[in-house]
Protein backbone atom coordinates (compact mmCIF):
# COMPACT_ATOMS: atom_id res chain seq x y z
CA MET A 1 -41.90 -15.25 20.15
CA THR A 2 -39.24 -18.35 18.95
CA LYS A 3 -40.44 -21.42 18.51
CA LEU A 4 -38.79 -23.54 20.82
CA ILE A 5 -38.89 -27.49 19.86
CA ASN A 6 -38.20 -30.63 22.49
CA ILE A 7 -35.00 -32.08 22.66
CA SER A 8 -36.52 -35.84 21.45
CA ASP A 9 -37.94 -33.75 18.16
CA LEU A 10 -34.60 -31.66 17.58
CA SER A 11 -32.80 -35.67 17.51
CA LYS A 12 -35.47 -36.98 15.20
CA LEU A 13 -35.08 -33.93 13.55
CA LEU A 14 -31.63 -34.57 12.99
CA ASN A 15 -32.17 -37.82 12.49
CA LEU A 16 -30.17 -38.69 15.83
CA VAL A 17 -32.48 -42.17 16.03
CA ASN A 18 -31.84 -45.55 16.45
CA LYS A 19 -32.68 -48.56 14.94
CA GLU A 20 -36.16 -48.74 16.04
CA ASN A 21 -36.68 -44.74 15.30
CA LYS A 22 -35.50 -43.91 19.16
CA PRO A 23 -34.28 -40.55 19.75
CA LYS A 24 -30.33 -40.83 21.05
CA ASN A 25 -30.53 -37.56 23.01
CA TYR A 26 -27.42 -38.18 24.74
CA ILE A 27 -25.68 -36.93 21.91
CA LEU A 28 -27.49 -34.18 21.77
CA ARG A 29 -26.67 -33.13 25.66
CA PHE A 30 -22.97 -34.21 24.73
CA TRP A 31 -22.86 -31.71 21.83
CA GLU A 32 -24.45 -29.55 24.41
CA LYS A 33 -21.08 -30.11 26.71
CA GLU A 34 -18.83 -29.60 24.25
CA PHE A 35 -19.83 -26.57 22.62
CA LYS A 36 -20.18 -23.31 24.26
CA GLN A 37 -22.28 -22.22 21.78
CA ILE A 38 -25.89 -24.27 22.17
CA LYS A 39 -27.54 -22.94 25.11
CA PRO A 40 -30.85 -24.57 25.42
CA LYS A 41 -33.76 -22.68 27.45
CA ILE A 42 -34.20 -25.28 30.49
CA LEU A 43 -38.33 -25.43 31.24
CA ASN A 44 -40.69 -27.27 33.41
CA GLY A 45 -38.02 -28.98 35.56
CA ASN A 46 -35.00 -30.07 33.22
CA ARG A 47 -36.45 -30.18 29.98
CA ARG A 48 -34.66 -29.05 27.24
CA TYR A 49 -36.26 -26.57 24.81
CA TYR A 50 -34.12 -25.30 21.59
CA ASP A 51 -35.13 -22.09 19.84
CA GLU A 52 -33.84 -22.16 15.92
CA LYS A 53 -30.22 -20.20 16.75
CA ASN A 54 -29.58 -23.17 18.99
CA ILE A 55 -31.36 -25.57 16.35
CA LYS A 56 -29.25 -23.89 13.66
CA ILE A 57 -26.01 -24.31 14.84
CA LEU A 58 -26.83 -28.31 15.86
CA LYS A 59 -27.27 -28.91 12.06
CA LYS A 60 -23.98 -27.24 11.63
CA ILE A 61 -22.35 -29.37 14.12
CA HIS A 62 -24.50 -32.29 13.17
CA PHE A 63 -23.36 -31.84 9.18
CA LEU A 64 -19.67 -31.09 10.22
CA LEU A 65 -19.56 -33.72 12.38
CA LYS A 66 -21.68 -36.58 10.55
CA GLU A 67 -21.06 -35.33 6.60
CA GLN A 68 -17.65 -33.90 6.42
CA GLY A 69 -16.40 -36.15 9.36
CA MET A 70 -14.38 -33.35 11.56
CA THR A 71 -13.36 -33.72 14.65
CA VAL A 72 -15.20 -32.32 17.52
CA ASN A 73 -11.99 -29.94 18.01
CA GLY A 74 -11.87 -29.14 14.97
CA VAL A 75 -15.65 -28.09 14.53
CA LYS A 76 -14.96 -26.25 17.85
CA LYS A 77 -12.07 -23.97 16.28
CA LEU A 78 -14.19 -24.05 13.07
CA LEU A 79 -17.16 -21.77 15.30
CA ASN A 80 -15.01 -19.74 17.14
């Protein structure tokens, strides 16, 4: 069985947090809409859980957008 991580823990893992260390989950939800590769499991009435495959893709997206300064469209082309 694969380990699942919830959206808040994933936001913290990717350092998508505000000054109060609160997770910026809206960023992950936006990326989920933009990148068809991301498919979280929706459990317990709309709670998102991500498996290792999704986490790996999200880490790559995060790196390309935030560290490399690529655009969403640029990352989409790279992932396809």
